[in-house]
Amino acid sequence: MKKNYKKRLLNMIDEKEYLSDKFNRTTNNKNLDAGGRKKIPESWSKIHFKTYPRFNKVKLTRSFSKKKISLLSVLNKRRSTRTFSGVSISIKDLSYLLLYSGGIVNPGMVLDESRRSYPSAGARYPLEVYPLVIIGNEEIKAGLYHYNVKEHTLEVILEEDLKQWLLESTGNFKPITKASVVFIITGVLDRARVKYGDRGYRYVLIEAGHMAQNLLLLSTGLGMANLAVGGYIDFKVTQLLDLELVKEAPLYMIAVGGYV
């Protein structure tokens, strides 16, 4: 039985093997030891936070209205749209989206015990978020920012109009330049790999999906249009975020803006 299975597998590989097939096979679990360790390494429990200490910061708020939003209503309303009205986003709405999509939801705790609103394999939290504000206003200027999760602030990376960069990076996808903000989600791979090896990359990708869905549903609840974007030129994103010399990879873009 095993020989036949191996023969079929080899025949499939001989026909055509994609790199993704090889990755999937290489990262298969061969065995599991769930909870068998008596002592957990510190590297498995310490949560890491990326910050830009020398950059200017924009304060975000944690104070929001107590308006109740039905989850079923939001799920029914959410639609991908390629038409945005070109309006700007308020700092309050931006704070809301960042806090509840990927921020610390139990502030005041020891940082290594802090938690967020999405599941993370081993609580490694490898994701970083870079809001690219397309339509600026007096509260928040157009440009590129980094979300400092630990402090719930935005760190200013670039204050400039990046519409042309967006066009070049998304294959001249013009509708995205009318969005209010594009959230660029990246993954610091070693945060997951330290515990899970190469299989950790699977978990990072899954986690990006969790956070993205949070952003999509939260923005829908605010009455905003949204679009999940996977079509971008990776090296252009890597260059803009200056990730060439670090093990951090662009994973996803979520565009949010006003309905036409």
Protein backbone atom coordinates (compact mmCIF):
# COMPACT_ATOMS: atom_id res chain seq x y z
CA MET A 1 0.00 0.00 0.00
CA LYS A 2 2.80 2.42 0.95
CA LYS A 3 4.74 1.56 -2.22
CA ASN A 4 1.73 2.34 -4.41
CA TYR A 5 1.20 5.65 -2.62
CA LYS A 6 4.85 6.61 -3.12
CA LYS A 7 4.68 5.58 -6.77
CA ARG A 8 1.60 7.73 -7.37
CA LEU A 9 3.25 10.62 -5.55
CA LEU A 10 6.41 10.32 -7.67
CA ASN A 11 4.33 10.21 -10.85
CA MET A 12 2.56 13.40 -9.82
CA ILE A 13 5.89 15.08 -9.12
CA ASP A 14 7.28 13.94 -12.49
CA GLU A 15 4.31 15.54 -14.27
CA LYS A 16 4.78 18.96 -12.69
CA GLU A 17 5.76 20.13 -9.26
CA TYR A 18 4.99 23.65 -8.17
CA LEU A 19 7.14 25.34 -5.55
CA SER A 20 4.00 25.53 -3.39
CA ASP A 21 3.67 21.73 -3.61
CA LYS A 22 7.21 21.35 -2.33
CA PHE A 23 6.61 23.86 0.46
CA ASN A 24 3.41 22.09 1.49
CA ARG A 25 5.12 18.71 1.59
CA THR A 26 8.21 20.02 3.40
CA THR A 27 6.16 21.69 6.13
CA ASN A 28 3.86 18.73 6.82
CA ASN A 29 3.79 17.73 10.49
CA LYS A 30 5.59 14.41 10.90
CA ASN A 31 4.77 14.05 14.59
CA LEU A 32 3.28 16.14 17.38
CA ASP A 33 4.04 16.55 21.08
CA ALA A 34 1.18 18.69 22.32
CA GLY A 35 2.00 19.96 25.80
CA GLY A 36 4.72 17.41 26.39
CA ARG A 37 7.43 19.88 27.37
CA LYS A 38 7.98 20.49 31.07
CA LYS A 39 9.76 23.78 30.49
CA ILE A 40 8.77 26.20 27.76
CA PRO A 41 11.70 28.17 26.27
CA GLU A 42 11.54 31.91 26.87
CA SER A 43 11.74 32.51 23.11
CA TRP A 44 8.36 30.78 22.77
CA SER A 45 6.57 33.03 25.25
CA LYS A 46 8.21 36.44 24.82
CA ILE A 47 6.18 38.79 22.60
CA HIS A 48 8.20 41.09 20.35
CA PHE A 49 7.15 44.59 19.29
CA LYS A 50 8.56 46.57 16.40
CA THR A 51 9.02 50.30 17.06
CA TYR A 52 10.68 53.31 15.44
CA PRO A 53 11.80 55.22 18.56
CA ARG A 54 13.35 58.16 16.67
CA PHE A 55 10.31 58.84 14.49
CA ASN A 56 7.57 61.34 15.26
CA LYS A 57 4.37 59.84 16.62
CA VAL A 58 0.67 60.48 16.08
CA LYS A 59 -1.48 59.76 19.12
CA LEU A 60 -4.44 57.41 18.68
CA THR A 61 -7.49 57.17 20.89
CA ARG A 62 -9.08 54.32 22.82
CA SER A 63 -12.25 56.26 23.51
CA PHE A 64 -15.18 55.30 21.28
CA SER A 65 -18.95 55.51 21.43
CA LYS A 66 -20.87 52.55 22.87
CA LYS A 67 -22.92 52.11 19.70
CA LYS A 68 -23.88 48.44 19.26
CA ILE A 69 -23.21 46.87 15.88
CA SER A 70 -24.74 43.49 14.99
CA LEU A 71 -22.16 40.97 13.76
CA LEU A 72 -24.76 39.28 11.52
CA SER A 73 -25.66 42.64 10.01
CA VAL A 74 -22.00 43.38 9.26
CA LEU A 75 -21.45 39.93 7.75
CA ASN A 76 -24.45 40.41 5.47
CA LYS A 77 -23.37 43.90 4.38
CA ARG A 78 -19.68 43.26 3.70
CA ARG A 79 -18.85 43.41 0.01
CA SER A 80 -15.61 43.91 -1.90
CA THR A 81 -15.75 47.17 -3.82
CA ARG A 82 -13.51 48.75 -6.43
CA THR A 83 -15.08 52.18 -6.21
CA PHE A 84 -14.13 54.61 -3.45
CA SER A 85 -15.29 58.20 -3.00
CA GLY A 86 -11.89 59.78 -2.29
CA VAL A 87 -12.77 61.07 1.19
CA SER A 88 -10.27 61.12 4.07
CA ILE A 89 -10.51 59.06 7.26
CA SER A 90 -10.77 60.59 10.72
CA ILE A 91 -8.12 59.82 13.31
CA LYS A 92 -10.87 58.37 15.50
CA ASP A 93 -11.99 55.86 12.87
CA LEU A 94 -8.37 54.99 12.06
CA SER A 95 -7.73 54.41 15.79
CA TYR A 96 -10.79 52.16 15.98
CA LEU A 97 -9.76 50.05 13.00
CA LEU A 98 -6.19 49.59 14.22
CA LEU A 99 -7.04 48.89 17.86
CA TYR A 100 -9.71 46.27 17.25
CA SER A 101 -8.13 44.63 14.21
CA GLY A 102 -4.65 44.16 15.64
CA GLY A 103 -4.10 46.19 18.80
CA ILE A 104 -3.79 45.09 22.42
CA VAL A 105 -7.29 44.45 23.76
CA ASN A 106 -6.25 43.90 27.40
CA PRO A 107 -4.15 47.02 28.15
CA GLY A 108 -2.41 47.20 31.49
CA MET A 109 -1.27 43.58 31.41
CA VAL A 110 2.35 42.49 31.37
CA LEU A 111 3.33 42.78 27.70
CA ASP A 112 4.16 39.07 27.37
CA GLU A 113 0.60 38.34 28.52
CA SER A 114 -1.02 40.90 26.22
CA ARG A 115 -3.60 39.64 23.77
CA ARG A 116 -5.17 40.79 20.52
CA SER A 117 -8.52 40.24 18.85
CA TYR A 118 -7.34 37.50 16.46
CA PRO A 119 -5.83 34.05 17.09
CA SER A 120 -2.07 33.74 16.75
CA ALA A 121 -0.22 30.41 16.73
CA GLY A 122 1.56 30.17 20.07
CA ALA A 123 0.72 33.85 20.72
CA ARG A 124 3.80 34.76 18.67
CA TYR A 125 2.07 37.76 17.00
CA PRO A 126 4.37 38.08 13.97
CA LEU A 127 2.25 40.64 12.10
CA GLU A 128 3.04 44.34 11.61
CA VAL A 129 0.72 46.96 10.08
CA TYR A 130 1.74 49.97 8.00
CA PRO A 131 -1.21 52.29 7.27
CA LEU A 132 -0.67 54.15 4.00
CA VAL A 133 -2.90 57.22 4.26
CA ILE A 134 -3.89 58.23 0.73
CA ILE A 135 -6.26 61.12 1.40
CA GLY A 136 -4.85 63.31 4.16
CA ASN A 137 -6.52 65.91 6.38
CA GLU A 138 -5.65 68.17 9.32
CA GLU A 139 -5.65 65.24 11.76
CA ILE A 140 -3.58 62.80 9.73
CA LYS A 141 -1.44 63.76 6.74
CA ALA A 142 -1.06 61.67 3.58
CA GLY A 143 1.88 59.30 3.86
CA LEU A 144 3.20 56.05 5.30
CA TYR A 145 2.96 55.14 8.98
CA HIS A 146 3.78 52.20 11.22
CA TYR A 147 1.31 51.06 13.87
CA ASN A 148 3.11 50.86 17.21
CA VAL A 149 1.04 48.17 18.93
CA LYS A 150 2.74 48.55 22.29
CA GLU A 151 1.94 52.28 22.60
CA HIS A 152 -1.14 52.39 20.32
CA THR A 153 0.38 55.20 18.27
CA LEU A 154 1.31 55.80 14.65
CA GLU A 155 4.97 56.31 13.83
CA VAL A 156 5.57 58.64 10.90
CA ILE A 157 7.75 57.03 8.23
CA LEU A 158 6.98 59.28 5.24
CA GLU A 159 4.72 62.31 4.87
CA GLU A 160 4.09 62.52 1.13
CA ASP A 161 1.62 61.69 -1.63
CA LEU A 162 2.11 58.00 -2.48
CA LYS A 163 -0.63 57.59 -5.09
CA GLN A 164 1.89 57.13 -7.89
CA TRP A 165 3.73 54.49 -5.87
CA LEU A 166 0.42 52.69 -5.32
CA LEU A 167 -0.29 52.66 -9.05
CA GLU A 168 3.17 51.31 -9.87
CA SER A 169 2.94 48.70 -7.12
CA THR A 170 -0.52 47.36 -8.02
CA GLY A 171 -0.25 47.13 -11.81
CA ASN A 172 -1.88 50.53 -12.45
CA PHE A 173 -4.94 49.64 -10.36
CA LYS A 174 -6.45 53.13 -10.37
CA PRO A 175 -9.45 52.58 -8.02
CA ILE A 176 -7.13 52.08 -5.03
CA THR A 177 -5.94 55.70 -5.22
CA LYS A 178 -9.45 56.84 -4.23
CA ALA A 179 -9.41 54.85 -0.97
CA SER A 180 -8.83 56.71 2.29
CA VAL A 181 -6.16 54.35 3.61
CA VAL A 182 -4.45 51.13 2.60
CA PHE A 183 -3.32 48.86 5.44
CA ILE A 184 -0.15 46.99 4.47
CA ILE A 185 0.18 43.83 6.57
CA THR A 186 3.61 42.21 6.89
CA GLY A 187 4.93 39.21 8.79
CA VAL A 188 8.14 39.00 10.85
CA LEU A 189 8.72 35.34 10.03
CA ASP A 190 11.26 34.49 12.74
CA ARG A 191 8.76 35.25 15.48
CA ALA A 192 6.82 32.17 14.36
CA ARG A 193 9.76 30.13 13.05
CA VAL A 194 11.54 30.19 16.41
CA LYS A 195 8.83 27.83 17.68
CA TYR A 196 7.41 26.16 14.57
CA GLY A 197 10.28 26.14 12.07
CA ASP A 198 9.30 26.49 8.41
CA ARG A 199 5.74 25.46 9.23
CA GLY A 200 5.51 28.78 11.04
CA TYR A 201 5.20 30.49 7.65
CA ARG A 202 1.86 28.71 7.20
CA TYR A 203 0.66 30.14 10.50
CA VAL A 204 1.81 33.66 9.59
CA LEU A 205 -0.23 33.53 6.38
CA ILE A 206 -3.28 32.21 8.24
CA GLU A 207 -2.90 34.95 10.83
CA ALA A 208 -2.77 37.65 8.16
CA GLY A 209 -6.15 36.38 7.00
CA HIS A 210 -7.53 36.68 10.54
CA MET A 211 -6.39 40.30 10.85
CA ALA A 212 -7.58 41.17 7.35
CA GLN A 213 -11.07 39.87 8.11
CA ASN A 214 -11.12 42.00 11.25
CA LEU A 215 -10.31 45.09 9.17
CA LEU A 216 -12.93 44.23 6.56
CA LEU A 217 -15.70 43.68 9.11
CA LEU A 218 -14.79 46.63 11.32
CA SER A 219 -14.71 49.02 8.37
CA THR A 220 -18.05 47.65 7.15
CA GLY A 221 -19.46 48.33 10.61
CA LEU A 222 -18.31 51.95 10.25
CA GLY A 223 -20.17 52.20 6.94
CA MET A 224 -16.96 52.23 4.89
CA ALA A 225 -16.12 50.47 1.63
CA ASN A 226 -13.27 47.97 1.60
CA LEU A 227 -11.24 45.71 -0.65
CA ALA A 228 -8.73 42.93 0.06
CA VAL A 229 -5.75 43.25 -2.31
CA GLY A 230 -3.24 40.50 -3.01
CA GLY A 231 -2.04 41.81 -6.36
CA TYR A 232 1.04 43.90 -5.69
CA ILE A 233 4.72 43.87 -6.65
CA ASP A 234 6.49 42.52 -3.58
CA PHE A 235 9.89 44.14 -4.05
CA LYS A 236 8.30 47.59 -4.38
CA VAL A 237 6.56 47.12 -1.03
CA THR A 238 9.76 45.78 0.48
CA GLN A 239 11.69 48.83 -0.78
CA LEU A 240 9.12 51.33 0.49
CA LEU A 241 9.04 49.77 3.95
CA ASP A 242 12.82 49.30 3.95
CA LEU A 243 12.59 45.58 4.67
CA GLU A 244 15.49 44.40 2.47
CA LEU A 245 17.81 43.58 5.37
CA VAL A 246 15.25 42.11 7.78
CA LYS A 247 13.22 38.92 7.70
CA GLU A 248 9.88 40.65 7.28
CA ALA A 249 7.66 39.94 4.30
CA PRO A 250 4.69 41.83 2.80
CA LEU A 251 1.58 39.62 2.97
CA TYR A 252 -1.59 41.59 2.31
CA MET A 253 -3.15 44.97 1.55
CA ILE A 254 -6.58 46.10 2.75
CA ALA A 255 -8.01 49.24 1.15
CA VAL A 256 -10.65 51.16 3.12
CA GLY A 257 -12.54 54.28 2.13
CA GLY A 258 -15.86 55.96 1.55
CA TYR A 259 -18.63 54.57 -0.63
CA VAL A 260 -19.38 56.39 -3.89
